[in-house]
């Protein structure tokens, strides 16, 4: 995966998004697209201040799944091992259903189970 080089990586802390974090975000987005291909559509991808969130839409039934990763500076590797996922009514539903957690590798499987 494109994000493999960020395993055990220490991100520089800054008051603005750093180039290294922007690069990570592009790699993370690419990995998600590769992992969910043909089953989900990535309908939203938001790069915050050292965190990322977004919405997936299940192609089979049109249901939405929200995902989010914590601040990569303070929670190393949790972007890979502890991704928040939950059901959503639409692509702006940030409150959604119950919180669940998954790994990057199991994101598609767990998203399908929620949808």
C-alpha atoms as a PDB file:
ATOM      1  CA  UNK A   1       0.000   0.000   0.000  1.00  0.00           C
ATOM      2  CA  UNK A   2       1.045   3.567  -0.614  1.00  0.00           C
ATOM      3  CA  UNK A   3       0.862   4.393   3.089  1.00  0.00           C
ATOM      4  CA  UNK A   4       3.272   1.631   4.148  1.00  0.00           C
ATOM      5  CA  UNK A   5       6.128   4.126   4.324  1.00  0.00           C
ATOM      6  CA  UNK A   6       4.230   5.984   7.081  1.00  0.00           C
ATOM      7  CA  UNK A   7       4.138   3.043   9.489  1.00  0.00           C
ATOM      8  CA  UNK A   8       5.894   4.158  12.699  1.00  0.00           C
ATOM      9  CA  UNK A   9       6.421   7.571  11.095  1.00  0.00           C
ATOM     10  CA  UNK A  10       6.698  10.650  13.319  1.00  0.00           C
ATOM     11  CA  UNK A  11       4.849  13.551  11.731  1.00  0.00           C
ATOM     12  CA  UNK A  12       6.163  17.057  12.252  1.00  0.00           C
ATOM     13  CA  UNK A  13       3.802  19.163  14.358  1.00  0.00           C
ATOM     14  CA  UNK A  14       2.834  22.526  12.948  1.00  0.00           C
ATOM     15  CA  UNK A  15       0.106  25.156  13.087  1.00  0.00           C
ATOM     16  CA  UNK A  16      -0.481  24.547   9.362  1.00  0.00           C
ATOM     17  CA  UNK A  17      -0.771  21.384   7.270  1.00  0.00           C
ATOM     18  CA  UNK A  18       2.723  20.242   6.423  1.00  0.00           C
ATOM     19  CA  UNK A  19       3.807  18.939   3.029  1.00  0.00           C
ATOM     20  CA  UNK A  20       4.520  15.540   4.606  1.00  0.00           C
ATOM     21  CA  UNK A  21       0.952  15.327   5.940  1.00  0.00           C
ATOM     22  CA  UNK A  22      -0.487  16.412   2.593  1.00  0.00           C
ATOM     23  CA  UNK A  23       1.567  13.663   0.952  1.00  0.00           C
ATOM     24  CA  UNK A  24       0.310  11.138   3.501  1.00  0.00           C
ATOM     25  CA  UNK A  25      -3.301  12.252   2.889  1.00  0.00           C
ATOM     26  CA  UNK A  26      -2.921  11.663  -0.869  1.00  0.00           C
ATOM     27  CA  UNK A  27      -1.460   8.202  -0.205  1.00  0.00           C
ATOM     28  CA  UNK A  28      -4.218   7.392   2.304  1.00  0.00           C
ATOM     29  CA  UNK A  29      -6.888   8.442  -0.192  1.00  0.00           C
ATOM     30  CA  UNK A  30      -5.270   6.260  -2.856  1.00  0.00           C
ATOM     31  CA  UNK A  31      -5.212   3.266  -0.509  1.00  0.00           C
ATOM     32  CA  UNK A  32      -8.868   3.714   0.388  1.00  0.00           C
ATOM     33  CA  UNK A  33      -9.875   3.949  -3.266  1.00  0.00           C
ATOM     34  CA  UNK A  34      -7.894   0.809  -4.033  1.00  0.00           C
ATOM     35  CA  UNK A  35      -9.358  -1.104  -1.075  1.00  0.00           C
ATOM     36  CA  UNK A  36     -13.003  -0.237  -1.761  1.00  0.00           C
ATOM     37  CA  UNK A  37     -12.973  -0.422  -5.551  1.00  0.00           C
ATOM     38  CA  UNK A  38     -16.115  -1.766  -7.230  1.00  0.00           C
ATOM     39  CA  UNK A  39     -18.086  -2.052  -3.955  1.00  0.00           C
ATOM     40  CA  UNK A  40     -18.086   1.537  -2.720  1.00  0.00           C
ATOM     41  CA  UNK A  41     -17.735   5.036  -4.067  1.00  0.00           C
ATOM     42  CA  UNK A  42     -15.611   7.531  -2.141  1.00  0.00           C
ATOM     43  CA  UNK A  43     -18.081  10.437  -2.142  1.00  0.00           C
ATOM     44  CA  UNK A  44     -16.271  12.719   0.287  1.00  0.00           C
ATOM     45  CA  UNK A  45     -12.679  12.986   1.525  1.00  0.00           C
ATOM     46  CA  UNK A  46     -11.766  15.763   3.934  1.00  0.00           C
ATOM     47  CA  UNK A  47      -8.223  16.568   5.021  1.00  0.00           C
ATOM     48  CA  UNK A  48      -8.320  18.404   8.319  1.00  0.00           C
ATOM     49  CA  UNK A  49      -5.528  19.615  10.572  1.00  0.00           C
ATOM     50  CA  UNK A  50      -3.601  16.316  10.771  1.00  0.00           C
ATOM     51  CA  UNK A  51      -6.738  14.163  10.643  1.00  0.00           C
ATOM     52  CA  UNK A  52      -8.856  12.785   7.792  1.00  0.00           C
ATOM     53  CA  UNK A  53     -12.519  11.908   7.415  1.00  0.00           C
ATOM     54  CA  UNK A  54     -14.896  11.030   4.630  1.00  0.00           C
ATOM     55  CA  UNK A  55     -17.899   9.148   3.377  1.00  0.00           C
ATOM     56  CA  UNK A  56     -18.277   5.971   1.366  1.00  0.00           C
ATOM     57  CA  UNK A  57     -21.422   5.050  -0.550  1.00  0.00           C
ATOM     58  CA  UNK A  58     -22.214   1.346  -0.916  1.00  0.00           C
ATOM     59  CA  UNK A  59     -22.952   0.635  -4.582  1.00  0.00           C
ATOM     60  CA  UNK A  60     -25.322  -2.241  -3.786  1.00  0.00           C
ATOM     61  CA  UNK A  61     -27.888  -0.292  -1.745  1.00  0.00           C
ATOM     62  CA  UNK A  62     -26.763   3.363  -1.671  1.00  0.00           C
ATOM     63  CA  UNK A  63     -26.115   3.410   2.086  1.00  0.00           C
ATOM     64  CA  UNK A  64     -23.435   5.709   3.480  1.00  0.00           C
ATOM     65  CA  UNK A  65     -20.541   4.945   5.792  1.00  0.00           C
ATOM     66  CA  UNK A  66     -18.590   7.664   7.597  1.00  0.00           C
ATOM     67  CA  UNK A  67     -14.914   7.099   8.400  1.00  0.00           C
ATOM     68  CA  UNK A  68     -12.376   9.090  10.376  1.00  0.00           C
ATOM     69  CA  UNK A  69      -8.804   8.821  11.604  1.00  0.00           C
ATOM     70  CA  UNK A  70      -7.343  10.616  14.614  1.00  0.00           C
ATOM     71  CA  UNK A  71      -4.580  13.204  14.582  1.00  0.00           C
ATOM     72  CA  UNK A  72      -1.585  11.378  13.101  1.00  0.00           C
ATOM     73  CA  UNK A  73       0.888  13.420  15.181  1.00  0.00           C
ATOM     74  CA  UNK A  74      -0.462  12.184  18.508  1.00  0.00           C
ATOM     75  CA  UNK A  75      -1.749   8.717  17.625  1.00  0.00           C
ATOM     76  CA  UNK A  76       0.965   6.992  15.565  1.00  0.00           C
ATOM     77  CA  UNK A  77      -0.229   4.124  13.360  1.00  0.00           C
ATOM     78  CA  UNK A  78      -3.846   4.499  14.474  1.00  0.00           C
ATOM     79  CA  UNK A  79      -4.604   5.725  10.946  1.00  0.00           C
ATOM     80  CA  UNK A  80      -3.951   2.081  10.043  1.00  0.00           C
ATOM     81  CA  UNK A  81      -5.181   0.161  13.112  1.00  0.00           C
ATOM     82  CA  UNK A  82      -8.042   2.208  14.587  1.00  0.00           C
ATOM     83  CA  UNK A  83     -10.279   3.798  11.943  1.00  0.00           C
ATOM     84  CA  UNK A  84     -13.661   4.997  13.152  1.00  0.00           C
ATOM     85  CA  UNK A  85     -16.543   3.795  10.946  1.00  0.00           C
ATOM     86  CA  UNK A  86     -20.286   4.212  11.362  1.00  0.00           C
ATOM     87  CA  UNK A  87     -23.460   4.351   9.335  1.00  0.00           C
ATOM     88  CA  UNK A  88     -24.680   7.693   8.025  1.00  0.00           C
ATOM     89  CA  UNK A  89     -27.934   8.911   6.491  1.00  0.00           C
ATOM     90  CA  UNK A  90     -26.146  11.008   3.851  1.00  0.00           C
ATOM     91  CA  UNK A  91     -22.723  12.421   3.014  1.00  0.00           C
ATOM     92  CA  UNK A  92     -23.062  15.282   5.513  1.00  0.00           C
ATOM     93  CA  UNK A  93     -24.224  13.157   8.475  1.00  0.00           C
ATOM     94  CA  UNK A  94     -21.360  13.498  10.947  1.00  0.00           C
ATOM     95  CA  UNK A  95     -23.325  12.092  13.901  1.00  0.00           C
ATOM     96  CA  UNK A  96     -24.610   8.880  12.282  1.00  0.00           C
ATOM     97  CA  UNK A  97     -24.909   5.500  13.944  1.00  0.00           C
ATOM     98  CA  UNK A  98     -22.897   3.749  16.622  1.00  0.00           C
ATOM     99  CA  UNK A  99     -19.125   4.006  16.572  1.00  0.00           C
ATOM    100  CA  UNK A 100     -17.189   0.991  15.324  1.00  0.00           C
ATOM    101  CA  UNK A 101     -13.486   0.635  14.661  1.00  0.00           C
ATOM    102  CA  UNK A 102     -11.557  -1.200  11.986  1.00  0.00           C
ATOM    103  CA  UNK A 103      -8.130  -1.499  10.460  1.00  0.00           C
ATOM    104  CA  UNK A 104      -7.263  -0.098   7.049  1.00  0.00           C
ATOM    105  CA  UNK A 105      -6.971  -3.615   5.654  1.00  0.00           C
ATOM    106  CA  UNK A 106     -10.462  -4.533   6.938  1.00  0.00           C
ATOM    107  CA  UNK A 107     -12.140  -1.226   6.055  1.00  0.00           C
ATOM    108  CA  UNK A 108     -14.058  -2.610   3.083  1.00  0.00           C
ATOM    109  CA  UNK A 109     -15.193  -5.739   4.897  1.00  0.00           C
ATOM    110  CA  UNK A 110     -16.412  -3.851   7.956  1.00  0.00           C
ATOM    111  CA  UNK A 111     -18.062  -1.160   5.842  1.00  0.00           C
ATOM    112  CA  UNK A 112     -19.990  -3.847   3.955  1.00  0.00           C
ATOM    113  CA  UNK A 113     -21.093  -5.356   7.272  1.00  0.00           C
ATOM    114  CA  UNK A 114     -22.408  -1.957   8.426  1.00  0.00           C
ATOM    115  CA  UNK A 115     -24.138  -1.149   5.131  1.00  0.00           C
END
